PDB file of all heavy atoms in Angstrom:
ATOM      1  N   TYR A   1       0.859  -1.101  -0.045  1.00  0.00           N
ATOM      2  CA  TYR A   1      -0.075   0.005  -0.022  1.00  0.00           C
ATOM      3  C   TYR A   1       0.948   1.208  -0.039  1.00  0.00           C
ATOM      4  O   TYR A   1       1.770   1.352   0.873  1.00  0.00           O
ATOM      5  CB  TYR A   1      -0.939   0.019   1.224  1.00  0.00           C
ATOM      6  CG  TYR A   1      -2.213  -0.759   1.125  1.00  0.00           C
ATOM      7  CD1 TYR A   1      -2.257  -2.103   1.308  1.00  0.00           C
ATOM      8  CD2 TYR A   1      -3.396  -0.010   0.915  1.00  0.00           C
ATOM      9  CE1 TYR A   1      -3.405  -2.728   1.117  1.00  0.00           C
ATOM     10  CE2 TYR A   1      -4.601  -0.800   0.806  1.00  0.00           C
ATOM     11  CZ  TYR A   1      -4.623  -2.050   0.901  1.00  0.00           C
ATOM     12  OH  TYR A   1      -5.795  -2.731   0.838  1.00  0.00           O
ATOM     13  N   GLY A   2       0.747   2.024  -0.955  1.00  0.00           N
ATOM     14  CA  GLY A   2       1.492   3.372  -1.048  1.00  0.00           C
ATOM     15  C   GLY A   2       2.630   3.205  -1.975  1.00  0.00           C
ATOM     16  O   GLY A   2       3.526   2.287  -1.786  1.00  0.00           O
ATOM     17  N   CYS A   3       2.603   3.983  -3.103  1.00  0.00           N
ATOM     18  CA  CYS A   3       3.642   3.967  -4.014  1.00  0.00           C
ATOM     19  C   CYS A   3       4.073   5.395  -4.395  1.00  0.00           C
ATOM     20  O   CYS A   3       4.137   5.757  -5.644  1.00  0.00           O
ATOM     21  CB  CYS A   3       3.184   3.180  -5.343  1.00  0.00           C
ATOM     22  SG  CYS A   3       4.456   2.638  -6.382  1.00  0.00           S
ATOM     23  N   GLY A   4       4.524   6.231  -3.365  1.00  0.00           N
ATOM     24  CA  GLY A   4       5.076   7.454  -3.641  1.00  0.00           C
ATOM     25  C   GLY A   4       6.620   7.277  -3.876  1.00  0.00           C
ATOM     26  O   GLY A   4       6.978   6.147  -4.301  1.00  0.00           O
ATOM     27  N   VAL A   5       7.355   8.132  -3.464  1.00  0.00           N
ATOM     28  CA  VAL A   5       8.894   8.087  -3.664  1.00  0.00           C
ATOM     29  C   VAL A   5       9.432   6.810  -2.886  1.00  0.00           C
ATOM     30  O   VAL A   5      10.163   6.058  -3.492  1.00  0.00           O
ATOM     31  CB  VAL A   5       9.642   9.327  -3.222  1.00  0.00           C
ATOM     32  CG1 VAL A   5      11.178   9.134  -3.305  1.00  0.00           C
ATOM     33  CG2 VAL A   5       9.194  10.508  -4.139  1.00  0.00           C
ATOM     34  N   ILE A   6       9.103   6.777  -1.643  1.00  0.00           N
ATOM     35  CA  ILE A   6       9.638   5.715  -0.804  1.00  0.00           C
ATOM     36  C   ILE A   6       9.102   4.353  -1.247  1.00  0.00           C
ATOM     37  O   ILE A   6       9.704   3.422  -1.360  1.00  0.00           O
ATOM     38  CB  ILE A   6       9.383   5.979   0.730  1.00  0.00           C
ATOM     39  CG1 ILE A   6      10.072   7.283   1.070  1.00  0.00           C
ATOM     40  CG2 ILE A   6       9.793   4.732   1.586  1.00  0.00           C
ATOM     41  CD1 ILE A   6       9.767   7.705   2.581  1.00  0.00           C
ATOM     42  N   GLY A   7       7.736   4.283  -1.361  1.00  0.00           N
ATOM     43  CA  GLY A   7       7.010   3.016  -1.866  1.00  0.00           C
ATOM     44  C   GLY A   7       7.527   2.518  -3.117  1.00  0.00           C
ATOM     45  O   GLY A   7       7.660   1.409  -3.383  1.00  0.00           O
ATOM     46  N   SER A   8       7.905   3.581  -3.991  1.00  0.00           N
ATOM     47  CA  SER A   8       8.370   3.180  -5.421  1.00  0.00           C
ATOM     48  C   SER A   8       9.657   2.498  -5.396  1.00  0.00           C
ATOM     49  O   SER A   8       9.845   1.377  -6.084  1.00  0.00           O
ATOM     50  CB  SER A   8       8.415   4.383  -6.309  1.00  0.00           C
ATOM     51  OG  SER A   8       7.090   5.050  -6.571  1.00  0.00           O
ATOM     52  N   LEU A   9      10.658   2.940  -4.537  1.00  0.00           N
ATOM     53  CA  LEU A   9      11.868   2.248  -4.522  1.00  0.00           C
ATOM     54  C   LEU A   9      11.741   0.955  -3.882  1.00  0.00           C
ATOM     55  O   LEU A   9      12.322  -0.096  -4.237  1.00  0.00           O
ATOM     56  CB  LEU A   9      12.968   3.112  -3.672  1.00  0.00           C
ATOM     57  CG  LEU A   9      14.250   2.488  -3.482  1.00  0.00           C
ATOM     58  CD1 LEU A   9      14.984   2.241  -4.926  1.00  0.00           C
ATOM     59  CD2 LEU A   9      15.139   3.139  -2.600  1.00  0.00           C
ATOM     60  N   LEU A  10      10.942   0.824  -2.898  1.00  0.00           N
ATOM     61  CA  LEU A  10      10.539  -0.475  -2.321  1.00  0.00           C
ATOM     62  C   LEU A  10       9.957  -1.460  -3.273  1.00  0.00           C
ATOM     63  O   LEU A  10      10.449  -2.578  -3.267  1.00  0.00           O
ATOM     64  CB  LEU A  10       9.628  -0.351  -1.067  1.00  0.00           C
ATOM     65  CG  LEU A  10       9.256  -1.606  -0.292  1.00  0.00           C
ATOM     66  CD1 LEU A  10      10.511  -2.247   0.369  1.00  0.00           C
ATOM     67  CD2 LEU A  10       8.237  -1.325   0.833  1.00  0.00           C
ATOM     68  N   VAL A  11       8.953  -0.996  -3.943  1.00  0.00           N
ATOM     69  CA  VAL A  11       8.343  -1.919  -5.100  1.00  0.00           C
ATOM     70  C   VAL A  11       9.343  -2.365  -6.095  1.00  0.00           C
ATOM     71  O   VAL A  11       9.305  -3.550  -6.461  1.00  0.00           O
ATOM     72  CB  VAL A  11       7.160  -1.110  -5.646  1.00  0.00           C
ATOM     73  CG1 VAL A  11       6.550  -1.863  -6.826  1.00  0.00           C
ATOM     74  CG2 VAL A  11       5.952  -1.049  -4.626  1.00  0.00           C
ATOM     75  N   HIS A  12      10.190  -1.352  -6.502  1.00  0.00           N
ATOM     76  CA  HIS A  12      11.219  -1.746  -7.571  1.00  0.00           C
ATOM     77  C   HIS A  12      12.234  -2.769  -6.931  1.00  0.00           C
ATOM     78  O   HIS A  12      12.492  -3.766  -7.655  1.00  0.00           O
ATOM     79  CB  HIS A  12      11.974  -0.429  -7.828  1.00  0.00           C
ATOM     80  CG  HIS A  12      13.257  -0.824  -8.460  1.00  0.00           C
ATOM     81  ND1 HIS A  12      13.357  -1.300  -9.685  1.00  0.00           N
ATOM     82  CD2 HIS A  12      14.679  -0.680  -8.036  1.00  0.00           C
ATOM     83  CE1 HIS A  12      14.669  -1.359  -9.994  1.00  0.00           C
ATOM     84  NE2 HIS A  12      15.433  -1.026  -9.038  1.00  0.00           N
ATOM     85  N   THR A  13      12.523  -2.677  -5.637  1.00  0.00           N
ATOM     86  CA  THR A  13      13.290  -3.669  -5.104  1.00  0.00           C
ATOM     87  C   THR A  13      12.709  -5.046  -4.900  1.00  0.00           C
ATOM     88  O   THR A  13      13.319  -6.034  -5.251  1.00  0.00           O
ATOM     89  CB  THR A  13      13.872  -3.147  -3.690  1.00  0.00           C
ATOM     90  OG1 THR A  13      14.441  -1.878  -3.858  1.00  0.00           O
ATOM     91  CG2 THR A  13      14.834  -4.140  -3.092  1.00  0.00           C
ATOM     92  N   LEU A  14      11.488  -5.077  -4.549  1.00  0.00           N
ATOM     93  CA  LEU A  14      10.832  -6.229  -4.370  1.00  0.00           C
ATOM     94  C   LEU A  14      10.520  -6.987  -5.698  1.00  0.00           C
ATOM     95  O   LEU A  14      10.704  -8.271  -5.822  1.00  0.00           O
ATOM     96  CB  LEU A  14       9.369  -5.987  -3.601  1.00  0.00           C
ATOM     97  CG  LEU A  14       9.438  -5.484  -2.248  1.00  0.00           C
ATOM     98  CD1 LEU A  14       8.067  -4.972  -1.862  1.00  0.00           C
ATOM     99  CD2 LEU A  14      10.078  -6.481  -1.303  1.00  0.00           C
ATOM    100  N   CYS A  15      10.274  -6.191  -6.782  1.00  0.00           N
ATOM    101  CA  CYS A  15      10.153  -6.840  -8.079  1.00  0.00           C
ATOM    102  C   CYS A  15      11.504  -7.306  -8.520  1.00  0.00           C
ATOM    103  O   CYS A  15      11.546  -8.468  -9.126  1.00  0.00           O
ATOM    104  CB  CYS A  15       9.593  -5.782  -9.049  1.00  0.00           C
ATOM    105  SG  CYS A  15       7.970  -5.297  -8.773  1.00  0.00           S
ATOM    106  N   ARG A  16      12.518  -6.581  -8.290  1.00  0.00           N
ATOM    107  CA  ARG A  16      13.939  -6.990  -8.856  1.00  0.00           C
ATOM    108  C   ARG A  16      14.367  -8.392  -8.047  1.00  0.00           C
ATOM    109  O   ARG A  16      15.047  -9.150  -8.566  1.00  0.00           O
ATOM    110  CB  ARG A  16      14.899  -6.023  -8.398  1.00  0.00           C
ATOM    111  CG  ARG A  16      16.362  -6.146  -9.161  1.00  0.00           C
ATOM    112  CD  ARG A  16      17.226  -5.047  -9.001  1.00  0.00           C
ATOM    113  NE  ARG A  16      17.735  -5.026  -7.641  1.00  0.00           N
ATOM    114  CZ  ARG A  16      17.543  -4.018  -6.750  1.00  0.00           C
ATOM    115  NH1 ARG A  16      16.843  -2.954  -7.070  1.00  0.00           N
ATOM    116  NH2 ARG A  16      18.140  -3.998  -5.638  1.00  0.00           N
ATOM    117  N   ALA A  17      13.765  -8.632  -6.905  1.00  0.00           N
ATOM    118  CA  ALA A  17      14.017  -9.940  -6.237  1.00  0.00           C
ATOM    119  C   ALA A  17      13.221 -11.079  -6.698  1.00  0.00           C
ATOM    120  O   ALA A  17      13.384 -12.188  -6.291  1.00  0.00           O
ATOM    121  CB  ALA A  17      13.746  -9.720  -4.733  1.00  0.00           C
ATOM    122  N   GLY A  18      12.370 -10.818  -7.765  1.00  0.00           N
ATOM    123  CA  GLY A  18      11.574 -11.806  -8.356  1.00  0.00           C
ATOM    124  C   GLY A  18      10.341 -12.208  -7.647  1.00  0.00           C
ATOM    125  O   GLY A  18       9.647 -13.246  -7.821  1.00  0.00           O
ATOM    126  N   ASN A  19       9.828 -11.278  -6.721  1.00  0.00           N
ATOM    127  CA  ASN A  19       8.641 -11.515  -5.943  1.00  0.00           C
ATOM    128  C   ASN A  19       7.425 -11.177  -6.866  1.00  0.00           C
ATOM    129  O   ASN A  19       7.416 -10.344  -7.900  1.00  0.00           O
ATOM    130  CB  ASN A  19       8.574 -10.668  -4.664  1.00  0.00           C
ATOM    131  CG  ASN A  19       9.722 -10.953  -3.675  1.00  0.00           C
ATOM    132  OD1 ASN A  19       9.742 -12.099  -3.270  1.00  0.00           O
ATOM    133  ND2 ASN A  19      10.622 -10.010  -3.542  1.00  0.00           N
ATOM    134  N   GLU A  20       6.305 -11.788  -6.603  1.00  0.00           N
ATOM    135  CA  GLU A  20       5.049 -11.421  -7.205  1.00  0.00           C
ATOM    136  C   GLU A  20       4.343 -10.216  -6.300  1.00  0.00           C
ATOM    137  O   GLU A  20       3.851 -10.404  -5.298  1.00  0.00           O
ATOM    138  CB  GLU A  20       4.001 -12.559  -7.136  1.00  0.00           C
ATOM    139  CG  GLU A  20       2.713 -12.292  -7.855  1.00  0.00           C
ATOM    140  CD  GLU A  20       1.779 -13.587  -7.849  1.00  0.00           C
ATOM    141  OE1 GLU A  20       2.302 -14.657  -7.693  1.00  0.00           O
ATOM    142  OE2 GLU A  20       0.552 -13.322  -7.933  1.00  0.00           O
ATOM    143  N   VAL A  21       4.520  -9.087  -6.861  1.00  0.00           N
ATOM    144  CA  VAL A  21       4.179  -7.839  -6.157  1.00  0.00           C
ATOM    145  C   VAL A  21       2.838  -7.170  -6.595  1.00  0.00           C
ATOM    146  O   VAL A  21       2.610  -7.017  -7.798  1.00  0.00           O
ATOM    147  CB  VAL A  21       5.247  -6.706  -6.202  1.00  0.00           C
ATOM    148  CG1 VAL A  21       4.958  -5.479  -5.382  1.00  0.00           C
ATOM    149  CG2 VAL A  21       6.501  -7.321  -5.753  1.00  0.00           C
ATOM    150  N   THR A  22       1.967  -7.016  -5.649  1.00  0.00           N
ATOM    151  CA  THR A  22       0.666  -6.330  -5.935  1.00  0.00           C
ATOM    152  C   THR A  22       0.641  -4.945  -5.195  1.00  0.00           C
ATOM    153  O   THR A  22       0.818  -4.918  -3.933  1.00  0.00           O
ATOM    154  CB  THR A  22      -0.545  -7.131  -5.398  1.00  0.00           C
ATOM    155  OG1 THR A  22      -0.549  -8.345  -6.170  1.00  0.00           O
ATOM    156  CG2 THR A  22      -1.795  -6.515  -5.708  1.00  0.00           C
ATOM    157  N   VAL A  23       0.436  -3.894  -5.989  1.00  0.00           N
ATOM    158  CA  VAL A  23       0.360  -2.539  -5.453  1.00  0.00           C
ATOM    159  C   VAL A  23      -1.151  -2.115  -5.434  1.00  0.00           C
ATOM    160  O   VAL A  23      -1.843  -2.188  -6.435  1.00  0.00           O
ATOM    161  CB  VAL A  23       1.247  -1.589  -6.185  1.00  0.00           C
ATOM    162  CG1 VAL A  23       1.014  -0.151  -5.713  1.00  0.00           C
ATOM    163  CG2 VAL A  23       2.623  -1.918  -6.202  1.00  0.00           C
ATOM    164  N   VAL A  24      -1.570  -1.516  -4.236  1.00  0.00           N
ATOM    165  CA  VAL A  24      -2.962  -1.097  -4.164  1.00  0.00           C
ATOM    166  C   VAL A  24      -2.754   0.496  -4.200  1.00  0.00           C
ATOM    167  O   VAL A  24      -2.167   1.209  -3.462  1.00  0.00           O
ATOM    168  CB  VAL A  24      -3.690  -1.363  -2.796  1.00  0.00           C
ATOM    169  CG1 VAL A  24      -5.030  -0.643  -2.724  1.00  0.00           C
ATOM    170  CG2 VAL A  24      -3.774  -2.890  -2.678  1.00  0.00           C
ATOM    171  N   SER A  25      -3.255   1.029  -5.338  1.00  0.00           N
ATOM    172  CA  SER A  25      -3.220   2.486  -5.727  1.00  0.00           C
ATOM    173  C   SER A  25      -4.600   2.965  -6.236  1.00  0.00           C
ATOM    174  O   SER A  25      -4.990   2.437  -7.264  1.00  0.00           O
ATOM    175  CB  SER A  25      -2.146   2.794  -6.712  1.00  0.00           C
ATOM    176  OG  SER A  25      -1.980   4.084  -6.902  1.00  0.00           O
ATOM    177  N   LYS A  26      -5.232   3.874  -5.417  1.00  0.00           N
ATOM    178  CA  LYS A  26      -6.600   4.269  -5.849  1.00  0.00           C
ATOM    179  C   LYS A  26      -6.760   5.390  -6.641  1.00  0.00           C
ATOM    180  O   LYS A  26      -7.843   5.697  -7.229  1.00  0.00           O
ATOM    181  CB  LYS A  26      -7.476   4.282  -4.544  1.00  0.00           C
ATOM    182  CG  LYS A  26      -7.336   3.024  -3.680  1.00  0.00           C
ATOM    183  CD  LYS A  26      -8.141   3.182  -2.370  1.00  0.00           C
ATOM    184  CE  LYS A  26      -8.052   1.971  -1.494  1.00  0.00           C
ATOM    185  NZ  LYS A  26      -8.694   2.206  -0.202  1.00  0.00           N
ATOM    186  N   GLY A  27      -5.737   6.280  -6.811  1.00  0.00           N
ATOM    187  CA  GLY A  27      -5.976   7.548  -7.506  1.00  0.00           C
ATOM    188  C   GLY A  27      -5.401   7.447  -8.991  1.00  0.00           C
ATOM    189  O   GLY A  27      -5.160   6.345  -9.503  1.00  0.00           O
ATOM    190  N   ALA A  28      -5.074   8.628  -9.470  1.00  0.00           N
ATOM    191  CA  ALA A  28      -4.658   8.748 -10.801  1.00  0.00           C
ATOM    192  C   ALA A  28      -3.247   8.047 -11.063  1.00  0.00           C
ATOM    193  O   ALA A  28      -2.903   7.619 -12.080  1.00  0.00           O
ATOM    194  CB  ALA A  28      -4.593  10.242 -11.302  1.00  0.00           C
ATOM    195  N   TRP A  29      -2.510   8.045  -9.964  1.00  0.00           N
ATOM    196  CA  TRP A  29      -1.149   7.450  -9.993  1.00  0.00           C
ATOM    197  C   TRP A  29      -1.313   5.932 -10.371  1.00  0.00           C
ATOM    198  O   TRP A  29      -0.454   5.356 -11.012  1.00  0.00           O
ATOM    199  CB  TRP A  29      -0.380   7.576  -8.726  1.00  0.00           C
ATOM    200  CG  TRP A  29       0.965   7.022  -8.756  1.00  0.00           C
ATOM    201  CD1 TRP A  29       1.397   6.012  -7.905  1.00  0.00           C
ATOM    202  CD2 TRP A  29       2.071   7.397  -9.534  1.00  0.00           C
ATOM    203  NE1 TRP A  29       2.786   5.854  -8.185  1.00  0.00           N
ATOM    204  CE2 TRP A  29       3.105   6.643  -9.157  1.00  0.00           C
ATOM    205  CE3 TRP A  29       2.295   8.284 -10.581  1.00  0.00           C
ATOM    206  CZ2 TRP A  29       4.373   6.809  -9.734  1.00  0.00           C
ATOM    207  CZ3 TRP A  29       3.459   8.446 -11.235  1.00  0.00           C
ATOM    208  CH2 TRP A  29       4.631   7.571 -10.896  1.00  0.00           C
ATOM    209  N   GLY A  30      -2.405   5.281  -9.900  1.00  0.00           N
ATOM    210  CA  GLY A  30      -2.644   3.841 -10.151  1.00  0.00           C
ATOM    211  C   GLY A  30      -2.874   3.647 -11.683  1.00  0.00           C
ATOM    212  O   GLY A  30      -2.439   2.723 -12.281  1.00  0.00           O
ATOM    213  N   ASP A  31      -3.491   4.584 -12.398  1.00  0.00           N
ATOM    214  CA  ASP A  31      -3.750   4.570 -13.795  1.00  0.00           C
ATOM    215  C   ASP A  31      -2.295   4.594 -14.538  1.00  0.00           C
ATOM    216  O   ASP A  31      -2.055   3.883 -15.490  1.00  0.00           O
ATOM    217  CB  ASP A  31      -4.530   5.644 -14.296  1.00  0.00           C
ATOM    218  CG  ASP A  31      -6.021   5.528 -13.766  1.00  0.00           C
ATOM    219  OD1 ASP A  31      -6.417   4.386 -13.525  1.00  0.00           O
ATOM    220  OD2 ASP A  31      -6.706   6.627 -13.670  1.00  0.00           O
TER     221      ASP A  31
END
């Protein structure tokens, strides 16, 4: 939950590790 600056780097790192990552984003950023 949360994909701002901090969340974005975290999501990038988790994806790079080969995890199956699901991001919950409800606003325009989700689009």
